[in-house]
Amino acid sequence: MGLTAGVRQIRRVGLFGGAFDPPHDAHVTLARAALDELALDRLHVMPTGDAWHKSRPLSPAADRLAMCRLAFADLPGVVVDDRELRRAGPTYTIDTLTALRADYPGAELFLLIGADQALAFHGWRRARDIIEIATISIAIRSYPERAECQFDPKNPLPGLGLGERGVRLLGLPVLPHSATDVRARAAAGRPIDHLVPAAVAGYIADHHLYTTA
């Protein structure tokens, strides 16, 4: 079904972007929580293209896209969207949200980010315009010595002077997962089955991702 099919029935749309290198269980848990807590009709999971803020090279776009399709396959309402991978040059959230607003005229938009991203949000391109377009939905995973320790729910987007306006908080269970850890474990030949969906673990093994050999 094309993106425009059934648009009149779609009133709440989420955007969940990221490198997804690889997508892991915490990503899937967040997507499921967003669909439920925000009552989303559709959630666009969007692997980033040329990420201006990433200091390391990302895995090939085709691999990250394939892993996302495997990871989120069982979640109704999720669309794995490759538009940022197809976009030339650096990709910016404001451009993607503007495109989604055109796809779903009249729909309420939600942008899913983590606490670490919230702390740096003031430095995003046209951050204030993003807030005008979408409700910022911040996922909080409480565990020690991570960005959540610095996160202040009363000032969730520091540097913008907005307080709690235009923000929703999504509470998640303790899931100490990170893509960095998954890559390191895969490179060392250690098991990752408890960190990523089984189909993603199989894809990583079959395609020898994150190995140095």
Protein backbone atom coordinates (compact mmCIF):
# COMPACT_ATOMS: atom_id res chain seq x y z
CA MET A 1 0.00 0.00 0.00
CA GLY A 2 1.40 3.40 -0.94
CA LEU A 3 2.01 6.10 1.64
CA THR A 4 -0.97 8.12 0.47
CA ALA A 5 -3.45 5.25 0.61
CA GLY A 6 -5.85 5.65 3.49
CA VAL A 7 -4.34 8.97 4.56
CA ARG A 8 -7.75 10.29 5.70
CA GLN A 9 -7.88 7.63 8.42
CA ILE A 10 -4.34 8.37 9.66
CA ARG A 11 -4.35 11.02 12.35
CA ARG A 12 -1.25 10.33 14.47
CA VAL A 13 2.10 9.63 12.82
CA GLY A 14 5.46 9.03 14.46
CA LEU A 15 9.01 9.36 13.17
CA PHE A 16 11.71 7.17 14.69
CA GLY A 17 15.04 7.85 13.02
CA GLY A 18 18.52 6.61 13.75
CA ALA A 19 21.57 4.87 12.40
CA PHE A 20 20.14 1.44 13.35
CA ASP A 21 23.64 0.02 13.04
CA PRO A 22 22.30 -2.43 14.05
CA PRO A 23 18.69 -2.19 15.30
CA HIS A 24 18.48 -3.90 18.70
CA ASP A 25 15.85 -4.98 21.20
CA ALA A 26 15.62 -1.57 22.88
CA HIS A 27 14.76 0.01 19.52
CA VAL A 28 11.93 -2.48 19.07
CA THR A 29 10.71 -1.92 22.63
CA LEU A 30 10.66 1.83 22.04
CA ALA A 31 8.71 1.46 18.81
CA ARG A 32 6.16 -0.77 20.52
CA ALA A 33 5.80 1.66 23.44
CA ALA A 34 5.34 4.62 21.10
CA LEU A 35 2.66 2.87 19.09
CA ASP A 36 0.79 2.10 22.29
CA GLU A 37 1.36 5.15 24.51
CA LEU A 38 1.02 7.72 21.72
CA ALA A 39 -1.82 5.83 19.99
CA LEU A 40 0.01 6.12 16.67
CA ASP A 41 -1.74 5.08 13.49
CA ARG A 42 1.61 4.80 11.75
CA LEU A 43 5.26 4.88 12.80
CA HIS A 44 7.95 5.57 10.23
CA VAL A 45 11.21 3.88 11.20
CA MET A 46 13.84 5.70 9.20
CA PRO A 47 17.50 4.69 8.92
CA THR A 48 19.58 7.82 8.54
CA GLY A 49 21.45 8.55 5.36
CA ASP A 50 24.46 10.87 5.48
CA ALA A 51 24.34 11.61 9.20
CA TRP A 52 25.99 14.98 9.77
CA HIS A 53 26.53 14.27 13.48
CA LYS A 54 28.15 10.84 13.19
CA SER A 55 31.94 10.75 13.56
CA ARG A 56 32.30 7.16 12.36
CA PRO A 57 31.38 5.63 9.00
CA LEU A 58 28.08 3.77 9.07
CA SER A 59 27.51 0.28 7.72
CA PRO A 60 26.18 0.15 4.14
CA ALA A 61 22.70 1.55 3.75
CA ALA A 62 21.40 -1.66 2.21
CA ASP A 63 22.42 -3.67 5.28
CA ARG A 64 20.92 -1.23 7.79
CA LEU A 65 17.69 -1.07 5.80
CA ALA A 66 17.46 -4.86 5.58
CA MET A 67 18.08 -5.24 9.32
CA CYS A 68 15.37 -2.69 10.12
CA ARG A 69 12.87 -4.56 7.97
CA LEU A 70 13.69 -7.74 9.89
CA ALA A 71 13.69 -6.11 13.33
CA PHE A 72 10.34 -4.31 13.03
CA ALA A 73 8.51 -6.80 10.82
CA ASP A 74 6.13 -7.95 13.55
CA LEU A 75 4.93 -4.50 14.64
CA PRO A 76 1.65 -3.47 12.96
CA GLY A 77 1.65 0.15 11.91
CA VAL A 78 5.40 0.37 11.35
CA VAL A 79 6.71 1.50 7.97
CA VAL A 80 10.45 1.09 7.39
CA ASP A 81 11.10 4.17 5.31
CA ASP A 82 14.21 4.54 3.13
CA ARG A 83 13.76 8.16 2.04
CA GLU A 84 16.74 9.45 4.02
CA LEU A 85 18.95 6.77 2.49
CA ARG A 86 17.88 7.95 -0.94
CA ARG A 87 18.43 11.63 -0.18
CA ALA A 88 21.67 13.15 -1.49
CA GLY A 89 23.84 15.04 0.97
CA PRO A 90 23.41 15.40 4.74
CA THR A 91 20.02 14.41 6.13
CA TYR A 92 18.20 16.64 8.59
CA THR A 93 15.15 15.82 10.70
CA ILE A 94 13.41 19.06 9.79
CA ASP A 95 13.41 18.07 6.11
CA THR A 96 12.02 14.63 6.87
CA LEU A 97 9.26 15.97 9.11
CA THR A 98 8.31 18.51 6.46
CA ALA A 99 7.99 15.68 3.95
CA LEU A 100 5.87 13.61 6.35
CA ARG A 101 3.59 16.58 6.97
CA ALA A 102 3.00 16.75 3.22
CA ASP A 103 2.32 12.99 3.10
CA TYR A 104 -0.20 13.18 5.95
CA PRO A 105 -1.96 16.55 5.75
CA GLY A 106 -3.72 17.35 9.00
CA ALA A 107 -2.13 14.51 10.96
CA GLU A 108 -0.46 15.09 14.32
CA LEU A 109 3.26 14.30 14.11
CA PHE A 110 5.47 12.87 16.87
CA LEU A 111 9.26 12.71 16.84
CA LEU A 112 10.80 9.91 18.91
CA ILE A 113 14.21 10.59 20.42
CA GLY A 114 16.28 9.33 23.33
CA ALA A 115 17.39 11.27 26.40
CA ASP A 116 20.89 11.68 24.98
CA GLN A 117 19.45 13.24 21.83
CA ALA A 118 17.20 15.48 23.92
CA LEU A 119 20.22 16.90 25.73
CA ALA A 120 21.76 17.89 22.39
CA PHE A 121 18.53 18.85 20.64
CA HIS A 122 19.16 22.60 20.85
CA GLY A 123 22.03 22.08 18.37
CA TRP A 124 19.88 20.37 15.74
CA ARG A 125 19.23 22.18 12.49
CA ARG A 126 16.12 24.41 12.92
CA ALA A 127 15.32 22.90 16.30
CA ARG A 128 12.55 25.41 17.03
CA ASP A 129 10.88 24.68 13.69
CA ILE A 130 10.91 20.97 14.53
CA ILE A 131 8.98 21.71 17.72
CA GLU A 132 6.41 23.65 15.71
CA ILE A 133 5.85 20.65 13.44
CA ALA A 134 5.98 17.72 15.87
CA THR A 135 5.52 16.75 19.51
CA ILE A 136 8.91 15.65 20.82
CA SER A 137 8.53 12.23 22.44
CA ILE A 138 11.52 11.40 24.64
CA ALA A 139 12.25 7.82 25.66
CA ILE A 140 13.64 7.48 29.16
CA ARG A 141 15.59 4.33 30.00
CA SER A 142 16.82 4.60 33.58
CA TYR A 143 20.20 3.08 34.15
CA PRO A 144 23.37 4.46 35.78
CA GLU A 145 26.13 6.50 34.20
CA ARG A 146 24.24 7.31 31.01
CA ALA A 147 22.56 10.41 29.60
CA GLU A 148 19.41 9.71 31.62
CA CYS A 149 21.31 10.71 34.77
CA GLN A 150 21.63 14.26 33.40
CA PHE A 151 18.10 14.41 32.00
CA ASP A 152 15.72 16.80 33.74
CA PRO A 153 12.02 16.07 33.05
CA LYS A 154 11.16 19.68 33.95
CA ASN A 155 13.57 20.97 31.31
CA PRO A 156 13.62 18.12 28.78
CA LEU A 157 15.09 20.15 25.91
CA PRO A 158 17.74 22.30 27.57
CA GLY A 159 18.97 25.37 25.76
CA LEU A 160 15.60 26.21 24.22
CA GLY A 161 13.79 27.64 27.25
CA LEU A 162 10.62 25.69 26.54
CA GLY A 163 10.12 23.84 29.79
CA GLU A 164 7.77 20.90 29.30
CA ARG A 165 5.82 22.43 26.41
CA GLY A 166 5.53 20.31 23.29
CA VAL A 167 7.15 17.28 24.92
CA ARG A 168 5.91 13.80 25.83
CA LEU A 169 7.93 11.37 27.94
CA LEU A 170 7.89 7.65 27.21
CA GLY A 171 8.86 5.42 30.13
CA LEU A 172 10.69 2.23 29.18
CA PRO A 173 11.98 -0.73 31.18
CA VAL A 174 15.67 -0.97 32.03
CA LEU A 175 17.30 -2.10 28.78
CA PRO A 176 21.07 -1.55 28.84
CA HIS A 177 21.38 -2.16 25.11
CA SER A 178 23.48 -0.12 22.73
CA ALA A 179 24.45 -0.54 19.10
CA THR A 180 28.07 0.12 20.12
CA ASP A 181 27.99 -2.89 22.44
CA VAL A 182 26.38 -5.09 19.80
CA ARG A 183 29.05 -4.16 17.24
CA ALA A 184 31.84 -4.79 19.73
CA ARG A 185 30.45 -8.17 20.74
CA ALA A 186 29.95 -9.21 17.13
CA ALA A 187 33.51 -8.14 16.27
CA ALA A 188 34.83 -10.23 19.16
CA GLY A 189 32.77 -13.25 18.15
CA ARG A 190 30.64 -13.06 21.29
CA PRO A 191 26.91 -13.86 21.28
CA ILE A 192 24.46 -11.06 20.53
CA ASP A 193 21.22 -13.07 20.46
CA HIS A 194 20.09 -11.55 23.77
CA LEU A 195 20.54 -8.02 22.43
CA VAL A 196 19.00 -8.05 18.96
CA PRO A 197 16.02 -9.79 17.33
CA ALA A 198 16.87 -13.30 16.16
CA ALA A 199 16.47 -12.39 12.49
CA VAL A 200 18.90 -9.50 12.90
CA ALA A 201 21.45 -11.73 14.65
CA GLY A 202 21.17 -14.15 11.74
CA TYR A 203 21.63 -11.36 9.19
CA ILE A 204 24.73 -10.06 10.97
CA ALA A 205 26.24 -13.55 11.03
CA ASP A 206 25.33 -14.38 7.44
CA HIS A 207 26.75 -11.10 6.10
CA HIS A 208 29.78 -11.01 8.42
CA LEU A 209 28.93 -7.51 9.62
CA TYR A 210 31.12 -5.78 12.21
CA THR A 211 33.97 -8.26 11.80
CA THR A 212 37.47 -7.05 11.02
CA ALA A 213 38.48 -10.10 9.00
